[in-house]
Amino acid sequence: MKMKGGDIALRTVVLLIVGALIALPLYWAVVVMFVPTRDLLFARPLYPSPFTLENIFSLFTGAWGGRLEGHSFLVPLRNSAVVALGNTLLSVTVGVLAAYAIALMQFRGKGALSTFILFAYVFPPFVIMIALRILATEWELRNTLHGLILFQSMITVPYCTWFLRSYFMSFPKDIEEAALVDGCTRFQSLVRVVLPISLPGVIAAATFAFTLSWQDYILAFIILDNDALFTVPMAMVSMVIGDLVNWGQIMAAALISILPPALVYYLLQRYVVSGLTGGAVKG
């Protein structure tokens, strides 16, 4: 069915409006990043005037105020990278094994386990903040990055498991059965047959796990008290001192912090899209 000229024009206008609404906050953040904070107190410029790079330089020289005064912004960036990569590796590994078992194996309690995993994913962590804080203290996981990785996995492991479960359920069972007949064990079948074909779904799950871990604030707030271990969200919150808000530095930190997940999505977008559509067949 061909689209009429009026329909094309209407869709174009709608897309332009939606695009402008999405781009406007990003544009304003860029403007504020390049304007001295003192000039923002008296004006709201539509473009960076006067132009300055001091907000960016102050982040990496340690002159950006807050609890992290004296620390380069590379410190929270490094901490977030360690936590996000570690959590992604853990979540995808456990998620693949659990999803494979739930989707392609038969065992007692399978339905109850699937329901429990879904409940664990949708359960908000802030409801049990006090309990998590106590557990972190009792298990000596406070002020450790590996402790934060373990606590974040409570959210990302159920997510990866449930996402990959739907993906594995659409996997052709004849292929796996042929591998088992040829002498492969269950684990060999998973590694040699299922994973190579399901790679887009695994990459999509890993991408979302990385993003969820990178932007996490609640669990980092529960686990981390040491300034040197702050992740990016914790570092940005610490930049607000009472009623003093250095908007230029905060916008610079925000724009710099979105670069890693944006780069991940850019490099893996083909796999993410195919992984999402591939898992939508069954579920």
Protein backbone atom coordinates (compact mmCIF):
# COMPACT_ATOMS: atom_id res chain seq x y z
CA MET A 1 0.00 0.00 0.00
CA LYS A 2 1.50 3.27 -1.13
CA MET A 3 1.54 6.27 1.17
CA LYS A 4 0.00 9.52 -0.04
CA GLY A 5 1.98 12.73 -0.11
CA GLY A 6 -0.05 14.19 2.75
CA ASP A 7 0.65 11.16 4.95
CA ILE A 8 4.37 11.39 4.27
CA ALA A 9 4.39 15.11 5.08
CA LEU A 10 2.44 14.53 8.32
CA ARG A 11 4.78 11.77 9.46
CA THR A 12 7.79 13.92 8.62
CA VAL A 13 6.45 16.80 10.70
CA VAL A 14 5.67 14.49 13.62
CA LEU A 15 9.15 12.95 13.49
CA LEU A 16 10.76 16.39 13.37
CA ILE A 17 8.78 17.53 16.40
CA VAL A 18 9.60 14.38 18.37
CA GLY A 19 13.27 14.66 17.36
CA ALA A 20 13.37 18.30 18.46
CA LEU A 21 11.83 17.45 21.85
CA ILE A 22 14.44 14.72 22.35
CA ALA A 23 17.37 16.84 21.17
CA LEU A 24 16.45 20.01 23.10
CA PRO A 25 17.60 18.82 26.58
CA LEU A 26 20.82 17.48 25.07
CA TYR A 27 21.45 20.76 23.27
CA TRP A 28 20.81 22.73 26.45
CA ALA A 29 23.25 20.53 28.36
CA VAL A 30 25.92 21.21 25.73
CA VAL A 31 25.30 24.97 25.95
CA VAL A 32 25.51 24.98 29.75
CA MET A 33 28.69 22.88 29.69
CA PHE A 34 30.56 25.55 27.74
CA VAL A 35 29.29 28.57 29.69
CA PRO A 36 30.83 29.79 33.00
CA THR A 37 28.50 29.10 35.91
CA ARG A 38 28.58 32.73 37.05
CA ASP A 39 27.11 33.81 33.70
CA LEU A 40 24.25 31.32 34.05
CA LEU A 41 23.06 33.11 37.19
CA PHE A 42 21.92 36.13 35.20
CA ALA A 43 21.16 34.81 31.72
CA ARG A 44 19.99 31.76 29.80
CA PRO A 45 22.01 31.93 26.57
CA LEU A 46 20.82 30.07 23.48
CA TYR A 47 24.43 29.34 22.51
CA PRO A 48 27.70 29.17 24.51
CA SER A 49 28.51 32.81 25.15
CA PRO A 50 30.99 33.48 26.63
CA PHE A 51 32.62 30.19 25.59
CA THR A 52 34.81 28.36 28.12
CA LEU A 53 36.33 24.93 28.68
CA GLU A 54 36.88 25.42 32.41
CA ASN A 55 33.95 23.18 33.37
CA ILE A 56 35.55 20.25 31.53
CA PHE A 57 39.10 20.96 32.72
CA SER A 58 37.97 21.26 36.34
CA LEU A 59 36.58 17.70 36.24
CA PHE A 60 39.94 16.21 35.33
CA THR A 61 42.07 18.48 37.52
CA GLY A 62 40.09 17.74 40.68
CA ALA A 63 38.85 21.31 41.13
CA TRP A 64 35.17 20.47 40.82
CA GLY A 65 34.00 20.71 44.41
CA GLY A 66 31.90 18.32 46.44
CA ARG A 67 33.19 15.29 48.33
CA LEU A 68 35.46 14.36 45.45
CA GLU A 69 37.45 17.61 45.55
CA GLY A 70 40.98 16.74 44.47
CA HIS A 71 39.97 13.57 42.61
CA SER A 72 39.91 13.44 38.82
CA PHE A 73 36.60 12.50 37.22
CA LEU A 74 38.53 9.59 35.71
CA VAL A 75 38.26 7.89 39.12
CA PRO A 76 34.45 7.46 39.10
CA LEU A 77 34.59 6.67 35.38
CA ARG A 78 37.08 3.88 36.12
CA ASN A 79 34.97 2.58 39.02
CA SER A 80 31.81 2.55 36.91
CA ALA A 81 33.64 0.74 34.10
CA VAL A 82 34.94 -1.94 36.48
CA VAL A 83 31.51 -2.46 38.03
CA ALA A 84 29.59 -2.40 34.75
CA LEU A 85 31.95 -4.79 32.95
CA GLY A 86 32.17 -7.17 35.93
CA ASN A 87 28.43 -7.18 36.43
CA THR A 88 27.79 -7.70 32.72
CA LEU A 89 30.14 -10.69 32.57
CA LEU A 90 28.57 -12.24 35.69
CA SER A 91 24.99 -11.56 34.63
CA VAL A 92 25.38 -12.87 31.09
CA THR A 93 27.20 -16.02 32.24
CA VAL A 94 24.60 -16.91 34.88
CA GLY A 95 21.73 -15.72 32.68
CA VAL A 96 22.77 -17.90 29.74
CA LEU A 97 23.00 -21.03 31.91
CA ALA A 98 19.73 -20.35 33.72
CA ALA A 99 17.82 -19.38 30.57
CA TYR A 100 19.05 -22.45 28.71
CA ALA A 101 17.88 -24.71 31.52
CA ILE A 102 14.48 -23.05 31.79
CA ALA A 103 13.82 -22.86 28.05
CA LEU A 104 15.23 -26.12 26.72
CA MET A 105 15.32 -28.56 29.64
CA GLN A 106 12.58 -30.30 31.61
CA PHE A 107 12.80 -30.51 35.40
CA ARG A 108 10.52 -30.35 38.41
CA GLY A 109 9.63 -26.84 39.60
CA LYS A 110 10.44 -25.19 36.27
CA GLY A 111 7.31 -23.05 36.23
CA ALA A 112 7.77 -21.87 39.82
CA LEU A 113 11.41 -20.99 39.13
CA SER A 114 10.43 -18.95 36.07
CA THR A 115 7.85 -17.04 38.10
CA PHE A 116 10.38 -16.39 40.89
CA ILE A 117 12.92 -15.02 38.40
CA LEU A 118 10.33 -12.67 36.92
CA PHE A 119 9.34 -11.51 40.41
CA ALA A 120 12.99 -10.89 41.32
CA TYR A 121 13.40 -8.73 38.21
CA VAL A 122 10.36 -6.52 38.78
CA PHE A 123 10.88 -6.18 42.55
CA PRO A 124 12.17 -2.65 43.30
CA PRO A 125 15.44 -2.70 45.27
CA PHE A 126 14.70 0.49 47.24
CA VAL A 127 12.02 -1.43 49.18
CA ILE A 128 14.74 -3.52 50.85
CA MET A 129 17.44 -0.85 51.14
CA ILE A 130 17.85 -1.27 54.90
CA ALA A 131 18.05 -5.06 54.61
CA LEU A 132 20.63 -4.80 51.81
CA ARG A 133 22.70 -2.38 53.88
CA ILE A 134 22.71 -4.79 56.82
CA LEU A 135 23.63 -7.72 54.57
CA ALA A 136 26.46 -5.75 52.99
CA THR A 137 27.83 -4.98 56.46
CA GLU A 138 27.47 -8.55 57.74
CA TRP A 139 29.12 -10.02 54.63
CA GLU A 140 31.86 -7.37 54.61
CA LEU A 141 30.85 -6.16 51.18
CA ARG A 142 30.49 -2.47 52.01
CA ASN A 143 32.94 -0.13 50.29
CA THR A 144 33.99 -2.79 47.78
CA LEU A 145 33.42 -2.79 44.05
CA HIS A 146 32.94 -6.56 43.97
CA GLY A 147 30.20 -6.15 46.58
CA LEU A 148 28.44 -3.64 44.35
CA ILE A 149 28.78 -6.06 41.42
CA LEU A 150 27.13 -8.85 43.43
CA PHE A 151 24.28 -6.62 44.58
CA GLN A 152 23.66 -5.27 41.08
CA SER A 153 23.50 -8.82 39.78
CA MET A 154 20.31 -9.27 41.81
CA ILE A 155 18.63 -7.11 39.16
CA THR A 156 20.60 -7.85 36.01
CA VAL A 157 20.78 -11.65 36.37
CA PRO A 158 16.96 -12.04 36.45
CA TYR A 159 16.72 -9.58 33.55
CA CYS A 160 19.25 -11.47 31.42
CA THR A 161 17.68 -14.80 32.35
CA TRP A 162 14.16 -13.73 31.43
CA PHE A 163 15.28 -12.02 28.23
CA LEU A 164 17.36 -14.99 27.05
CA ARG A 165 14.65 -17.44 28.08
CA SER A 166 12.33 -15.91 25.49
CA TYR A 167 15.16 -15.97 22.96
CA PHE A 168 16.10 -19.60 23.59
CA MET A 169 12.45 -20.68 23.37
CA SER A 170 12.49 -19.57 19.74
CA PHE A 171 15.61 -21.65 19.09
CA PRO A 172 15.04 -24.59 16.68
CA LYS A 173 15.03 -27.67 18.91
CA ASP A 174 15.87 -29.96 16.00
CA ILE A 175 19.35 -28.43 15.79
CA GLU A 176 20.05 -29.04 19.48
CA GLU A 177 18.65 -32.57 19.32
CA ALA A 178 20.91 -33.34 16.36
CA ALA A 179 23.92 -32.17 18.38
CA LEU A 180 22.91 -34.37 21.32
CA VAL A 181 22.46 -37.37 19.01
CA ASP A 182 25.97 -36.74 17.61
CA GLY A 183 27.39 -37.17 21.11
CA CYS A 184 27.47 -33.64 22.55
CA THR A 185 26.71 -33.16 26.21
CA ARG A 186 24.25 -30.50 27.30
CA PHE A 187 27.07 -28.05 28.03
CA GLN A 188 28.82 -28.79 24.72
CA SER A 189 25.53 -28.30 22.90
CA LEU A 190 25.08 -24.95 24.60
CA VAL A 191 28.60 -23.71 23.83
CA ARG A 192 29.03 -25.12 20.32
CA VAL A 193 25.51 -24.94 18.90
CA VAL A 194 23.09 -22.76 20.85
CA LEU A 195 25.34 -19.81 21.72
CA PRO A 196 26.79 -19.19 18.23
CA ILE A 197 23.29 -19.06 16.74
CA SER A 198 21.91 -17.06 19.69
CA LEU A 199 24.81 -14.58 19.77
CA PRO A 200 22.65 -11.51 18.88
CA GLY A 201 20.38 -12.21 21.85
CA VAL A 202 23.34 -12.66 24.21
CA ILE A 203 24.90 -9.39 23.02
CA ALA A 204 21.57 -7.58 23.43
CA ALA A 205 21.25 -8.88 27.00
CA ALA A 206 24.85 -7.89 27.76
CA THR A 207 24.26 -4.39 26.37
CA PHE A 208 21.23 -3.79 28.56
CA ALA A 209 22.99 -5.26 31.60
CA PHE A 210 25.92 -2.89 31.03
CA THR A 211 23.59 0.10 30.74
CA LEU A 212 21.56 -0.80 33.84
CA SER A 213 24.76 -1.22 35.84
CA TRP A 214 26.32 2.00 34.53
CA GLN A 215 23.35 4.16 35.54
CA ASP A 216 22.65 2.51 38.90
CA TYR A 217 22.53 4.89 41.87
CA ILE A 218 20.42 3.18 44.55
CA LEU A 219 22.63 0.14 45.08
CA ALA A 220 25.80 2.23 44.86
CA PHE A 221 24.33 4.51 47.53
CA ILE A 222 23.72 1.47 49.76
CA ILE A 223 27.15 -0.11 49.32
CA LEU A 224 29.64 2.73 48.88
CA ASP A 225 30.75 5.25 51.50
CA ASN A 226 34.37 5.64 50.42
CA ASP A 227 34.76 8.65 48.12
CA ALA A 228 37.52 6.96 46.11
CA LEU A 229 35.10 4.14 45.16
CA PHE A 230 32.25 6.36 43.99
CA THR A 231 30.72 5.48 40.64
CA VAL A 232 29.60 8.13 38.15
CA PRO A 233 26.04 8.61 39.54
CA MET A 234 27.39 8.90 43.11
CA ALA A 235 30.05 11.36 41.99
CA MET A 236 27.52 13.56 40.20
CA VAL A 237 25.22 13.68 43.23
CA SER A 238 28.17 14.65 45.43
CA MET A 239 28.74 17.70 43.22
CA VAL A 240 25.64 19.35 44.70
CA ILE A 241 26.67 21.09 47.93
CA GLY A 242 23.61 22.37 49.78
CA ASP A 243 21.95 24.99 47.59
CA LEU A 244 25.14 25.49 45.56
CA VAL A 245 24.84 23.82 42.17
CA ASN A 246 27.59 24.17 39.59
CA TRP A 247 25.47 23.47 36.54
CA GLY A 248 28.35 23.75 34.09
CA GLN A 249 30.38 21.02 35.78
CA ILE A 250 27.32 18.80 36.29
CA MET A 251 26.36 19.05 32.62
CA ALA A 252 29.94 18.34 31.59
CA ALA A 253 30.02 15.27 33.84
CA ALA A 254 26.64 14.10 32.52
CA LEU A 255 27.64 14.40 28.87
CA ILE A 256 30.98 12.69 29.44
CA SER A 257 29.32 9.87 31.39
CA ILE A 258 26.89 9.03 28.57
CA LEU A 259 29.73 8.43 26.10
CA PRO A 260 30.61 4.82 27.17
CA PRO A 261 27.04 3.40 26.97
CA ALA A 262 26.40 5.42 23.81
CA LEU A 263 29.55 3.95 22.25
CA VAL A 264 28.49 0.44 23.27
CA TYR A 265 25.07 0.90 21.65
CA TYR A 266 26.63 2.38 18.51
CA LEU A 267 29.04 -0.51 18.05
CA LEU A 268 26.51 -3.24 18.89
CA GLN A 269 23.25 -1.75 17.61
CA ARG A 270 22.96 -4.32 14.79
CA TYR A 271 23.15 -7.19 17.29
CA VAL A 272 20.83 -5.45 19.74
CA VAL A 273 18.10 -4.94 17.13
CA SER A 274 18.35 -8.49 15.78
CA GLY A 275 18.47 -9.86 19.32
CA LEU A 276 15.32 -8.02 20.34
CA THR A 277 13.37 -9.08 17.25
CA GLY A 278 14.68 -12.65 17.43
CA GLY A 279 13.41 -13.09 20.98
CA ALA A 280 9.97 -11.80 20.09
CA VAL A 281 8.89 -14.97 18.27
CA LYS A 282 7.88 -16.88 21.38
CA GLY A 283 7.66 -16.13 25.04
